[in-house]
Amino acid sequence: PQQGKWPCLFTPSNTTGEKDFEEFFTSNETIDLDRFQNLGIVKNGLA
């Protein structure tokens, strides 16, 4: 730090429960992408 540098350690993930990517809905869910500009909605019925 006195030299204006900061040590970092970046390694591949190898722990339980981590996804490589993110998703907000599944292929079998009904989606409304029209009501809002930057919000989507999963539309659900009673199961």
ModelCIF file with pLDDT and N, C-alpha, C, O atoms, coordinates in Angstrom:
data_MODEL
#
_entry.id   MODEL 
#
_entity.id                         1 
_entity.type                       polymer 
_entity.pdbx_number_of_molecules   1 
#
_entity_poly.entity_id                      1 
_entity_poly.type                           'polypeptide(L)' 
_entity_poly.nstd_linkage                   no 
_entity_poly.nstd_monomer                   no 
_entity_poly.pdbx_seq_one_letter_code       PQQGKWPCLFTPSNTTGEKDFEEFFTSNETIDLDRFQNLGIVKNGLA 
_entity_poly.pdbx_seq_one_letter_code_can   PQQGKWPCLFTPSNTTGEKDFEEFFTSNETIDLDRFQNLGIVKNGLA 
_entity_poly.pdbx_strand_id                 A 
#
loop_
_entity_poly_seq.entity_id 
_entity_poly_seq.num 
_entity_poly_seq.mon_id 
_entity_poly_seq.hetero 
1 1  PRO n 
1 2  GLN n 
1 3  GLN n 
1 4  GLY n 
1 5  LYS n 
1 6  TRP n 
1 7  PRO n 
1 8  CYS n 
1 9  LEU n 
1 10 PHE n 
1 11 THR n 
1 12 PRO n 
1 13 SER n 
1 14 ASN n 
1 15 THR n 
1 16 THR n 
1 17 GLY n 
1 18 GLU n 
1 19 LYS n 
1 20 ASP n 
1 21 PHE n 
1 22 GLU n 
1 23 GLU n 
1 24 PHE n 
1 25 PHE n 
1 26 THR n 
1 27 SER n 
1 28 ASN n 
1 29 GLU n 
1 30 THR n 
1 31 ILE n 
1 32 ASP n 
1 33 LEU n 
1 34 ASP n 
1 35 ARG n 
1 36 PHE n 
1 37 GLN n 
1 38 ASN n 
1 39 LEU n 
1 40 GLY n 
1 41 ILE n 
1 42 VAL n 
1 43 LYS n 
1 44 ASN n 
1 45 GLY n 
1 46 LEU n 
1 47 ALA n 
#
_struct_asym.id          A 
_struct_asym.entity_id   1 
#
loop_
_ma_qa_metric.id 
_ma_qa_metric.mode 
_ma_qa_metric.name 
_ma_qa_metric.software_group_id 
_ma_qa_metric.type 
1 global pLDDT . pLDDT 
2 local  pLDDT . pLDDT 
#
_ma_qa_metric_global.metric_id      1 
_ma_qa_metric_global.metric_value   87.06 
_ma_qa_metric_global.model_id       1 
_ma_qa_metric_global.ordinal_id     1 
#
loop_
_ma_qa_metric_local.label_asym_id 
_ma_qa_metric_local.label_comp_id 
_ma_qa_metric_local.label_seq_id 
_ma_qa_metric_local.metric_id 
_ma_qa_metric_local.metric_value 
_ma_qa_metric_local.model_id 
_ma_qa_metric_local.ordinal_id 
A PRO 1  2 95.00 1 1  
A GLN 2  2 95.00 1 2  
A GLN 3  2 96.00 1 3  
A GLY 4  2 96.00 1 4  
A LYS 5  2 96.00 1 5  
A TRP 6  2 96.00 1 6  
A PRO 7  2 96.00 1 7  
A CYS 8  2 94.00 1 8  
A LEU 9  2 94.00 1 9  
A PHE 10 2 92.00 1 10 
A THR 11 2 89.00 1 11 
A PRO 12 2 86.00 1 12 
A SER 13 2 80.00 1 13 
A ASN 14 2 73.00 1 14 
A THR 15 2 70.00 1 15 
A THR 16 2 65.00 1 16 
A GLY 17 2 63.00 1 17 
A GLU 18 2 69.00 1 18 
A LYS 19 2 69.00 1 19 
A ASP 20 2 66.00 1 20 
A PHE 21 2 69.00 1 21 
A GLU 22 2 76.00 1 22 
A GLU 23 2 82.00 1 23 
A PHE 24 2 87.00 1 24 
A PHE 25 2 89.00 1 25 
A THR 26 2 87.00 1 26 
A SER 27 2 86.00 1 27 
A ASN 28 2 87.00 1 28 
A GLU 29 2 91.00 1 29 
A THR 30 2 94.00 1 30 
A ILE 31 2 94.00 1 31 
A ASP 32 2 95.00 1 32 
A LEU 33 2 94.00 1 33 
A ASP 34 2 94.00 1 34 
A ARG 35 2 96.00 1 35 
A PHE 36 2 95.00 1 36 
A GLN 37 2 93.00 1 37 
A ASN 38 2 92.00 1 38 
A LEU 39 2 94.00 1 39 
A GLY 40 2 94.00 1 40 
A ILE 41 2 96.00 1 41 
A VAL 42 2 95.00 1 42 
A LYS 43 2 95.00 1 43 
A ASN 44 2 89.00 1 44 
A GLY 45 2 85.00 1 45 
A LEU 46 2 82.00 1 46 
A ALA 47 2 81.00 1 47 
#
loop_
_atom_site.group_PDB 
_atom_site.id 
_atom_site.type_symbol 
_atom_site.label_atom_id 
_atom_site.label_alt_id 
_atom_site.label_comp_id 
_atom_site.label_asym_id 
_atom_site.label_entity_id 
_atom_site.label_seq_id 
_atom_site.pdbx_PDB_ins_code 
_atom_site.Cartn_x 
_atom_site.Cartn_y 
_atom_site.Cartn_z 
_atom_site.occupancy 
_atom_site.B_iso_or_equiv 
_atom_site.pdbx_formal_charge 
_atom_site.auth_seq_id 
_atom_site.auth_comp_id 
_atom_site.auth_asym_id 
_atom_site.auth_atom_id 
_atom_site.pdbx_PDB_model_num 
ATOM 1   N N  . PRO A 1 1  ? 0.799   -1.233  0.000   1.00 95.00 ? 1  PRO A N  1 
ATOM 2   C CA . PRO A 1 1  ? 0.000   0.000   0.000   1.00 95.00 ? 1  PRO A CA 1 
ATOM 3   C C  . PRO A 1 1  ? 0.830   1.281   0.000   1.00 95.00 ? 1  PRO A C  1 
ATOM 4   O O  . PRO A 1 1  ? 0.416   2.285   -0.578  1.00 95.00 ? 1  PRO A O  1 
ATOM 5   N N  . GLN A 1 2  ? 2.000   1.254   0.643   1.00 95.00 ? 2  GLN A N  1 
ATOM 6   C CA . GLN A 1 2  ? 2.858   2.431   0.652   1.00 95.00 ? 2  GLN A CA 1 
ATOM 7   C C  . GLN A 1 2  ? 3.394   2.757   -0.749  1.00 95.00 ? 2  GLN A C  1 
ATOM 8   O O  . GLN A 1 2  ? 3.838   3.876   -1.008  1.00 95.00 ? 2  GLN A O  1 
ATOM 9   N N  . GLN A 1 3  ? 3.344   1.762   -1.648  1.00 96.00 ? 3  GLN A N  1 
ATOM 10  C CA . GLN A 1 3  ? 3.794   1.959   -3.028  1.00 96.00 ? 3  GLN A CA 1 
ATOM 11  C C  . GLN A 1 3  ? 2.620   2.232   -3.976  1.00 96.00 ? 3  GLN A C  1 
ATOM 12  O O  . GLN A 1 3  ? 2.793   2.261   -5.194  1.00 96.00 ? 3  GLN A O  1 
ATOM 13  N N  . GLY A 1 4  ? 1.421   2.431   -3.405  1.00 96.00 ? 4  GLY A N  1 
ATOM 14  C CA . GLY A 1 4  ? 0.245   2.685   -4.230  1.00 96.00 ? 4  GLY A CA 1 
ATOM 15  C C  . GLY A 1 4  ? -0.337  1.441   -4.866  1.00 96.00 ? 4  GLY A C  1 
ATOM 16  O O  . GLY A 1 4  ? -1.085  1.527   -5.839  1.00 96.00 ? 4  GLY A O  1 
ATOM 17  N N  . LYS A 1 5  ? 0.008   0.268   -4.313  1.00 96.00 ? 5  LYS A N  1 
ATOM 18  C CA . LYS A 1 5  ? -0.514  -1.003  -4.840  1.00 96.00 ? 5  LYS A CA 1 
ATOM 19  C C  . LYS A 1 5  ? -1.264  -1.739  -3.728  1.00 96.00 ? 5  LYS A C  1 
ATOM 20  O O  . LYS A 1 5  ? -1.033  -1.501  -2.543  1.00 96.00 ? 5  LYS A O  1 
ATOM 21  N N  . TRP A 1 6  ? -2.182  -2.655  -4.141  1.00 96.00 ? 6  TRP A N  1 
ATOM 22  C CA . TRP A 1 6  ? -2.942  -3.420  -3.143  1.00 96.00 ? 6  TRP A CA 1 
ATOM 23  C C  . TRP A 1 6  ? -2.974  -4.890  -3.564  1.00 96.00 ? 6  TRP A C  1 
ATOM 24  O O  . TRP A 1 6  ? -3.371  -5.202  -4.687  1.00 96.00 ? 6  TRP A O  1 
ATOM 25  N N  . PRO A 1 7  ? -2.557  -5.801  -2.670  1.00 96.00 ? 7  PRO A N  1 
ATOM 26  C CA . PRO A 1 7  ? -2.543  -7.224  -3.031  1.00 96.00 ? 7  PRO A CA 1 
ATOM 27  C C  . PRO A 1 7  ? -3.954  -7.790  -3.209  1.00 96.00 ? 7  PRO A C  1 
ATOM 28  O O  . PRO A 1 7  ? -4.854  -7.528  -2.411  1.00 96.00 ? 7  PRO A O  1 
ATOM 29  N N  . CYS A 1 8  ? -4.120  -8.571  -4.276  1.00 94.00 ? 8  CYS A N  1 
ATOM 30  C CA . CYS A 1 8  ? -5.414  -9.198  -4.589  1.00 94.00 ? 8  CYS A CA 1 
ATOM 31  C C  . CYS A 1 8  ? -5.186  -10.676 -4.885  1.00 94.00 ? 8  CYS A C  1 
ATOM 32  O O  . CYS A 1 8  ? -4.133  -11.071 -5.384  1.00 94.00 ? 8  CYS A O  1 
ATOM 33  N N  . LEU A 1 9  ? -6.176  -11.467 -4.572  1.00 94.00 ? 9  LEU A N  1 
ATOM 34  C CA . LEU A 1 9  ? -6.155  -12.890 -4.908  1.00 94.00 ? 9  LEU A CA 1 
ATOM 35  C C  . LEU A 1 9  ? -7.457  -13.224 -5.618  1.00 94.00 ? 9  LEU A C  1 
ATOM 36  O O  . LEU A 1 9  ? -8.524  -13.201 -5.005  1.00 94.00 ? 9  LEU A O  1 
ATOM 37  N N  . PHE A 1 10 ? -7.376  -13.534 -6.911  1.00 92.00 ? 10 PHE A N  1 
ATOM 38  C CA . PHE A 1 10 ? -8.544  -13.885 -7.715  1.00 92.00 ? 10 PHE A CA 1 
ATOM 39  C C  . PHE A 1 10 ? -8.407  -15.346 -8.152  1.00 92.00 ? 10 PHE A C  1 
ATOM 40  O O  . PHE A 1 10 ? -7.464  -15.703 -8.858  1.00 92.00 ? 10 PHE A O  1 
ATOM 41  N N  . THR A 1 11 ? -9.348  -16.180 -7.728  1.00 89.00 ? 11 THR A N  1 
ATOM 42  C CA . THR A 1 11 ? -9.278  -17.607 -8.024  1.00 89.00 ? 11 THR A CA 1 
ATOM 43  C C  . THR A 1 11 ? -10.633 -18.112 -8.519  1.00 89.00 ? 11 THR A C  1 
ATOM 44  O O  . THR A 1 11 ? -11.660 -17.500 -8.227  1.00 89.00 ? 11 THR A O  1 
ATOM 45  N N  . PRO A 1 12 ? -10.649 -19.216 -9.261  1.00 86.00 ? 12 PRO A N  1 
ATOM 46  C CA . PRO A 1 12 ? -11.934 -19.788 -9.696  1.00 86.00 ? 12 PRO A CA 1 
ATOM 47  C C  . PRO A 1 12 ? -12.773 -20.228 -8.499  1.00 86.00 ? 12 PRO A C  1 
ATOM 48  O O  . PRO A 1 12 ? -12.239 -20.637 -7.468  1.00 86.00 ? 12 PRO A O  1 
ATOM 49  N N  . SER A 1 13 ? -14.092 -20.139 -8.650  1.00 80.00 ? 13 SER A N  1 
ATOM 50  C CA . SER A 1 13 ? -14.999 -20.546 -7.579  1.00 80.00 ? 13 SER A CA 1 
ATOM 51  C C  . SER A 1 13 ? -15.044 -22.070 -7.483  1.00 80.00 ? 13 SER A C  1 
ATOM 52  O O  . SER A 1 13 ? -15.156 -22.759 -8.497  1.00 80.00 ? 13 SER A O  1 
ATOM 53  N N  . ASN A 1 14 ? -14.957 -22.589 -6.265  1.00 73.00 ? 14 ASN A N  1 
ATOM 54  C CA . ASN A 1 14 ? -15.026 -24.041 -6.071  1.00 73.00 ? 14 ASN A CA 1 
ATOM 55  C C  . ASN A 1 14 ? -15.825 -24.407 -4.825  1.00 73.00 ? 14 ASN A C  1 
ATOM 56  O O  . ASN A 1 14 ? -15.585 -25.446 -4.209  1.00 73.00 ? 14 ASN A O  1 
ATOM 57  N N  . THR A 1 15 ? -16.788 -23.538 -4.454  1.00 70.00 ? 15 THR A N  1 
ATOM 58  C CA . THR A 1 15 ? -17.560 -23.770 -3.238  1.00 70.00 ? 15 THR A CA 1 
ATOM 59  C C  . THR A 1 15 ? -18.992 -24.188 -3.572  1.00 70.00 ? 15 THR A C  1 
ATOM 60  O O  . THR A 1 15 ? -19.485 -23.936 -4.672  1.00 70.00 ? 15 THR A O  1 
ATOM 61  N N  . THR A 1 16 ? -19.645 -24.828 -2.611  1.00 65.00 ? 16 THR A N  1 
ATOM 62  C CA . THR A 1 16 ? -21.015 -25.311 -2.775  1.00 65.00 ? 16 THR A CA 1 
ATOM 63  C C  . THR A 1 16 ? -21.978 -24.156 -3.049  1.00 65.00 ? 16 THR A C  1 
ATOM 64  O O  . THR A 1 16 ? -21.927 -23.118 -2.388  1.00 65.00 ? 16 THR A O  1 
ATOM 65  N N  . GLY A 1 17 ? -22.856 -24.355 -4.036  1.00 63.00 ? 17 GLY A N  1 
ATOM 66  C CA . GLY A 1 17 ? -23.990 -23.460 -4.206  1.00 63.00 ? 17 GLY A CA 1 
ATOM 67  C C  . GLY A 1 17 ? -23.784 -22.257 -5.092  1.00 63.00 ? 17 GLY A C  1 
ATOM 68  O O  . GLY A 1 17 ? -24.678 -21.415 -5.188  1.00 63.00 ? 17 GLY A O  1 
ATOM 69  N N  . GLU A 1 18 ? -22.632 -22.141 -5.749  1.00 69.00 ? 18 GLU A N  1 
ATOM 70  C CA . GLU A 1 18 ? -22.381 -20.971 -6.588  1.00 69.00 ? 18 GLU A CA 1 
ATOM 71  C C  . GLU A 1 18 ? -22.698 -21.281 -8.046  1.00 69.00 ? 18 GLU A C  1 
ATOM 72  O O  . GLU A 1 18 ? -22.214 -22.268 -8.600  1.00 69.00 ? 18 GLU A O  1 
ATOM 73  N N  . LYS A 1 19 ? -23.519 -20.427 -8.663  1.00 69.00 ? 19 LYS A N  1 
ATOM 74  C CA . LYS A 1 19 ? -23.801 -20.523 -10.091 1.00 69.00 ? 19 LYS A CA 1 
ATOM 75  C C  . LYS A 1 19 ? -22.769 -19.712 -10.873 1.00 69.00 ? 19 LYS A C  1 
ATOM 76  O O  . LYS A 1 19 ? -22.281 -18.690 -10.390 1.00 69.00 ? 19 LYS A O  1 
ATOM 77  N N  . ASP A 1 20 ? -22.438 -20.169 -12.081 1.00 66.00 ? 20 ASP A N  1 
ATOM 78  C CA . ASP A 1 20 ? -21.541 -19.387 -12.929 1.00 66.00 ? 20 ASP A CA 1 
ATOM 79  C C  . ASP A 1 20 ? -22.246 -18.157 -13.490 1.00 66.00 ? 20 ASP A C  1 
ATOM 80  O O  . ASP A 1 20 ? -21.592 -17.194 -13.890 1.00 66.00 ? 20 ASP A O  1 
ATOM 81  N N  . PHE A 1 21 ? -23.583 -18.183 -13.521 1.00 69.00 ? 21 PHE A N  1 
ATOM 82  C CA . PHE A 1 21 ? -24.355 -17.103 -14.146 1.00 69.00 ? 21 PHE A CA 1 
ATOM 83  C C  . PHE A 1 21 ? -25.630 -16.889 -13.339 1.00 69.00 ? 21 PHE A C  1 
ATOM 84  O O  . PHE A 1 21 ? -25.937 -17.648 -12.420 1.00 69.00 ? 21 PHE A O  1 
ATOM 85  N N  . GLU A 1 22 ? -26.365 -15.838 -13.702 1.00 76.00 ? 22 GLU A N  1 
ATOM 86  C CA . GLU A 1 22 ? -27.611 -15.530 -12.999 1.00 76.00 ? 22 GLU A CA 1 
ATOM 87  C C  . GLU A 1 22 ? -28.779 -15.565 -13.962 1.00 76.00 ? 22 GLU A C  1 
ATOM 88  O O  . GLU A 1 22 ? -28.635 -15.287 -15.152 1.00 76.00 ? 22 GLU A O  1 
ATOM 89  N N  . GLU A 1 23 ? -29.947 -15.912 -13.424 1.00 82.00 ? 23 GLU A N  1 
ATOM 90  C CA . GLU A 1 23 ? -31.178 -15.888 -14.209 1.00 82.00 ? 23 GLU A CA 1 
ATOM 91  C C  . GLU A 1 23 ? -32.327 -15.498 -13.281 1.00 82.00 ? 23 GLU A C  1 
ATOM 92  O O  . GLU A 1 23 ? -32.309 -15.794 -12.086 1.00 82.00 ? 23 GLU A O  1 
ATOM 93  N N  . PHE A 1 24 ? -33.325 -14.826 -13.859 1.00 87.00 ? 24 PHE A N  1 
ATOM 94  C CA . PHE A 1 24 ? -34.430 -14.314 -13.054 1.00 87.00 ? 24 PHE A CA 1 
ATOM 95  C C  . PHE A 1 24 ? -35.737 -15.061 -13.283 1.00 87.00 ? 24 PHE A C  1 
ATOM 96  O O  . PHE A 1 24 ? -36.696 -14.881 -12.532 1.00 87.00 ? 24 PHE A O  1 
ATOM 97  N N  . PHE A 1 25 ? -35.781 -15.892 -14.307 1.00 89.00 ? 25 PHE A N  1 
ATOM 98  C CA . PHE A 1 25 ? -36.993 -16.675 -14.572 1.00 89.00 ? 25 PHE A CA 1 
ATOM 99  C C  . PHE A 1 25 ? -36.591 -17.953 -15.293 1.00 89.00 ? 25 PHE A C  1 
ATOM 100 O O  . PHE A 1 25 ? -35.485 -18.069 -15.821 1.00 89.00 ? 25 PHE A O  1 
ATOM 101 N N  . THR A 1 26 ? -37.510 -18.907 -15.302 1.00 87.00 ? 26 THR A N  1 
ATOM 102 C CA . THR A 1 26 ? -37.231 -20.192 -15.935 1.00 87.00 ? 26 THR A CA 1 
ATOM 103 C C  . THR A 1 26 ? -37.976 -20.294 -17.266 1.00 87.00 ? 26 THR A C  1 
ATOM 104 O O  . THR A 1 26 ? -38.846 -19.476 -17.565 1.00 87.00 ? 26 THR A O  1 
ATOM 105 N N  . SER A 1 27 ? -37.630 -21.294 -18.051 1.00 86.00 ? 27 SER A N  1 
ATOM 106 C CA . SER A 1 27 ? -38.203 -21.438 -19.396 1.00 86.00 ? 27 SER A CA 1 
ATOM 107 C C  . SER A 1 27 ? -39.689 -21.773 -19.366 1.00 86.00 ? 27 SER A C  1 
ATOM 108 O O  . SER A 1 27 ? -40.390 -21.566 -20.357 1.00 86.00 ? 27 SER A O  1 
ATOM 109 N N  . ASN A 1 28 ? -40.185 -22.296 -18.226 1.00 87.00 ? 28 ASN A N  1 
ATOM 110 C CA . ASN A 1 28 ? -41.603 -22.657 -18.170 1.00 87.00 ? 28 ASN A CA 1 
ATOM 111 C C  . ASN A 1 28 ? -42.451 -21.634 -17.422 1.00 87.00 ? 28 ASN A C  1 
ATOM 112 O O  . ASN A 1 28 ? -43.607 -21.912 -17.101 1.00 87.00 ? 28 ASN A O  1 
ATOM 113 N N  . GLU A 1 29 ? -41.899 -20.459 -17.139 1.00 91.00 ? 29 GLU A N  1 
ATOM 114 C CA . GLU A 1 29 ? -42.668 -19.396 -16.494 1.00 91.00 ? 29 GLU A CA 1 
ATOM 115 C C  . GLU A 1 29 ? -43.172 -18.403 -17.537 1.00 91.00 ? 29 GLU A C  1 
ATOM 116 O O  . GLU A 1 29 ? -42.506 -18.157 -18.543 1.00 91.00 ? 29 GLU A O  1 
ATOM 117 N N  . THR A 1 30 ? -44.361 -17.830 -17.290 1.00 94.00 ? 30 THR A N  1 
ATOM 118 C CA . THR A 1 30 ? -44.963 -16.840 -18.184 1.00 94.00 ? 30 THR A CA 1 
ATOM 119 C C  . THR A 1 30 ? -44.442 -15.461 -17.818 1.00 94.00 ? 30 THR A C  1 
ATOM 120 O O  . THR A 1 30 ? -44.520 -15.053 -16.659 1.00 94.00 ? 30 THR A O  1 
ATOM 121 N N  . ILE A 1 31 ? -43.910 -14.740 -18.798 1.00 94.00 ? 31 ILE A N  1 
ATOM 122 C CA . ILE A 1 31 ? -43.216 -13.485 -18.536 1.00 94.00 ? 31 ILE A CA 1 
ATOM 123 C C  . ILE A 1 31 ? -43.927 -12.319 -19.237 1.00 94.00 ? 31 ILE A C  1 
ATOM 124 O O  . ILE A 1 31 ? -44.326 -12.432 -20.396 1.00 94.00 ? 31 ILE A O  1 
ATOM 125 N N  . ASP A 1 32 ? -44.078 -11.208 -18.525 1.00 95.00 ? 32 ASP A N  1 
ATOM 126 C CA . ASP A 1 32 ? -44.564 -9.948  -19.098 1.00 95.00 ? 32 ASP A CA 1 
ATOM 127 C C  . ASP A 1 32 ? -43.393 -8.972  -19.133 1.00 95.00 ? 32 ASP A C  1 
ATOM 128 O O  . ASP A 1 32 ? -42.913 -8.522  -18.093 1.00 95.00 ? 32 ASP A O  1 
ATOM 129 N N  . LEU A 1 33 ? -42.941 -8.651  -20.346 1.00 94.00 ? 33 LEU A N  1 
ATOM 130 C CA . LEU A 1 33 ? -41.821 -7.716  -20.507 1.00 94.00 ? 33 LEU A CA 1 
ATOM 131 C C  . LEU A 1 33 ? -42.268 -6.361  -21.041 1.00 94.00 ? 33 LEU A C  1 
ATOM 132 O O  . LEU A 1 33 ? -41.434 -5.536  -21.414 1.00 94.00 ? 33 LEU A O  1 
ATOM 133 N N  . ASP A 1 34 ? -43.577 -6.125  -21.080 1.00 94.00 ? 34 ASP A N  1 
ATOM 134 C CA . ASP A 1 34 ? -44.106 -4.929  -21.733 1.00 94.00 ? 34 ASP A CA 1 
ATOM 135 C C  . ASP A 1 34 ? -44.608 -3.854  -20.772 1.00 94.00 ? 34 ASP A C  1 
ATOM 136 O O  . ASP A 1 34 ? -44.624 -2.678  -21.134 1.00 94.00 ? 34 ASP A O  1 
ATOM 137 N N  . ARG A 1 35 ? -45.018 -4.224  -19.555 1.00 96.00 ? 35 ARG A N  1 
ATOM 138 C CA . ARG A 1 35 ? -45.674 -3.249  -18.689 1.00 96.00 ? 35 ARG A CA 1 
ATOM 139 C C  . ARG A 1 35 ? -44.720 -2.136  -18.250 1.00 96.00 ? 35 ARG A C  1 
ATOM 140 O O  . ARG A 1 35 ? -45.111 -0.971  -18.179 1.00 96.00 ? 35 ARG A O  1 
ATOM 141 N N  . PHE A 1 36 ? -43.479 -2.493  -17.957 1.00 95.00 ? 36 PHE A N  1 
ATOM 142 C CA . PHE A 1 36 ? -42.490 -1.520  -17.512 1.00 95.00 ? 36 PHE A CA 1 
ATOM 143 C C  . PHE A 1 36 ? -41.298 -1.529  -18.457 1.00 95.00 ? 36 PHE A C  1 
ATOM 144 O O  . PHE A 1 36 ? -41.047 -2.516  -19.148 1.00 95.00 ? 36 PHE A O  1 
ATOM 145 N N  . GLN A 1 37 ? -40.565 -0.418  -18.483 1.00 93.00 ? 37 GLN A N  1 
ATOM 146 C CA . GLN A 1 37 ? -39.425 -0.327  -19.383 1.00 93.00 ? 37 GLN A CA 1 
ATOM 147 C C  . GLN A 1 37 ? -38.278 -1.228  -18.941 1.00 93.00 ? 37 GLN A C  1 
ATOM 148 O O  . GLN A 1 37 ? -37.685 -1.933  -19.758 1.00 93.00 ? 37 GLN A O  1 
ATOM 149 N N  . ASN A 1 38 ? -37.966 -1.204  -17.645 1.00 92.00 ? 38 ASN A N  1 
ATOM 150 C CA . ASN A 1 38 ? -36.792 -1.933  -17.168 1.00 92.00 ? 38 ASN A CA 1 
ATOM 151 C C  . ASN A 1 38 ? -37.111 -2.947  -16.071 1.00 92.00 ? 38 ASN A C  1 
ATOM 152 O O  . ASN A 1 38 ? -36.232 -3.349  -15.309 1.00 92.00 ? 38 ASN A O  1 
ATOM 153 N N  . LEU A 1 39 ? -38.365 -3.350  -16.002 1.00 94.00 ? 39 LEU A N  1 
ATOM 154 C CA . LEU A 1 39 ? -38.775 -4.416  -15.095 1.00 94.00 ? 39 LEU A CA 1 
ATOM 155 C C  . LEU A 1 39 ? -39.544 -5.466  -15.871 1.00 94.00 ? 39 LEU A C  1 
ATOM 156 O O  . LEU A 1 39 ? -40.374 -5.140  -16.720 1.00 94.00 ? 39 LEU A O  1 
ATOM 157 N N  . GLY A 1 40 ? -39.269 -6.712  -15.581 1.00 94.00 ? 40 GLY A N  1 
ATOM 158 C CA . GLY A 1 40 ? -40.075 -7.807  -16.097 1.00 94.00 ? 40 GLY A CA 1 
ATOM 159 C C  . GLY A 1 40 ? -40.926 -8.369  -14.976 1.00 94.00 ? 40 GLY A C  1 
ATOM 160 O O  . GLY A 1 40 ? -40.657 -8.130  -13.799 1.00 94.00 ? 40 GLY A O  1 
ATOM 161 N N  . ILE A 1 41 ? -41.959 -9.122  -15.349 1.00 96.00 ? 41 ILE A N  1 
ATOM 162 C CA . ILE A 1 41 ? -42.865 -9.705  -14.352 1.00 96.00 ? 41 ILE A CA 1 
ATOM 163 C C  . ILE A 1 41 ? -43.117 -11.169 -14.701 1.00 96.00 ? 41 ILE A C  1 
ATOM 164 O O  . ILE A 1 41 ? -43.496 -11.491 -15.827 1.00 96.00 ? 41 ILE A O  1 
ATOM 165 N N  . VAL A 1 42 ? -42.903 -12.051 -13.726 1.00 95.00 ? 42 VAL A N  1 
ATOM 166 C CA . VAL A 1 42 ? -43.349 -13.435 -13.851 1.00 95.00 ? 42 VAL A CA 1 
ATOM 167 C C  . VAL A 1 42 ? -44.809 -13.476 -13.432 1.00 95.00 ? 42 VAL A C  1 
ATOM 168 O O  . VAL A 1 42 ? -45.145 -13.116 -12.304 1.00 95.00 ? 42 VAL A O  1 
ATOM 169 N N  . LYS A 1 43 ? -45.686 -13.917 -14.343 1.00 95.00 ? 43 LYS A N  1 
ATOM 170 C CA . LYS A 1 43 ? -47.122 -13.989 -14.083 1.00 95.00 ? 43 LYS A CA 1 
ATOM 171 C C  . LYS A 1 43 ? -47.470 -15.413 -13.645 1.00 95.00 ? 43 LYS A C  1 
ATOM 172 O O  . LYS A 1 43 ? -47.148 -16.387 -14.326 1.00 95.00 ? 43 LYS A O  1 
ATOM 173 N N  . ASN A 1 44 ? -48.130 -15.509 -12.502 1.00 89.00 ? 44 ASN A N  1 
ATOM 174 C CA . ASN A 1 44 ? -48.414 -16.826 -11.924 1.00 89.00 ? 44 ASN A CA 1 
ATOM 175 C C  . ASN A 1 44 ? -49.911 -17.055 -11.745 1.00 89.00 ? 44 ASN A C  1 
ATOM 176 O O  . ASN A 1 44 ? -50.659 -16.127 -11.437 1.00 89.00 ? 44 ASN A O  1 
ATOM 177 N N  . GLY A 1 45 ? -50.333 -18.281 -11.938 1.00 85.00 ? 45 GLY A N  1 
ATOM 178 C CA . GLY A 1 45 ? -51.674 -18.698 -11.568 1.00 85.00 ? 45 GLY A CA 1 
ATOM 179 C C  . GLY A 1 45 ? -51.594 -19.527 -10.298 1.00 85.00 ? 45 GLY A C  1 
ATOM 180 O O  . GLY A 1 45 ? -50.510 -19.758 -9.761  1.00 85.00 ? 45 GLY A O  1 
ATOM 181 N N  . LEU A 1 46 ? -52.745 -19.972 -9.825  1.00 82.00 ? 46 LEU A N  1 
ATOM 182 C CA . LEU A 1 46 ? -52.764 -20.842 -8.648  1.00 82.00 ? 46 LEU A CA 1 
ATOM 183 C C  . LEU A 1 46 ? -52.299 -22.244 -9.032  1.00 82.00 ? 46 LEU A C  1 
ATOM 184 O O  . LEU A 1 46 ? -52.708 -22.788 -10.058 1.00 82.00 ? 46 LEU A O  1 
ATOM 185 N N  . ALA A 1 47 ? -51.453 -22.810 -8.208  1.00 81.00 ? 47 ALA A N  1 
ATOM 186 C CA . ALA A 1 47 ? -50.968 -24.168 -8.462  1.00 81.00 ? 47 ALA A CA 1 
ATOM 187 C C  . ALA A 1 47 ? -51.574 -25.129 -7.446  1.00 81.00 ? 47 ALA A C  1 
ATOM 188 O O  . ALA A 1 47 ? -51.293 -26.327 -7.486  1.00 81.00 ? 47 ALA A O  1 
#
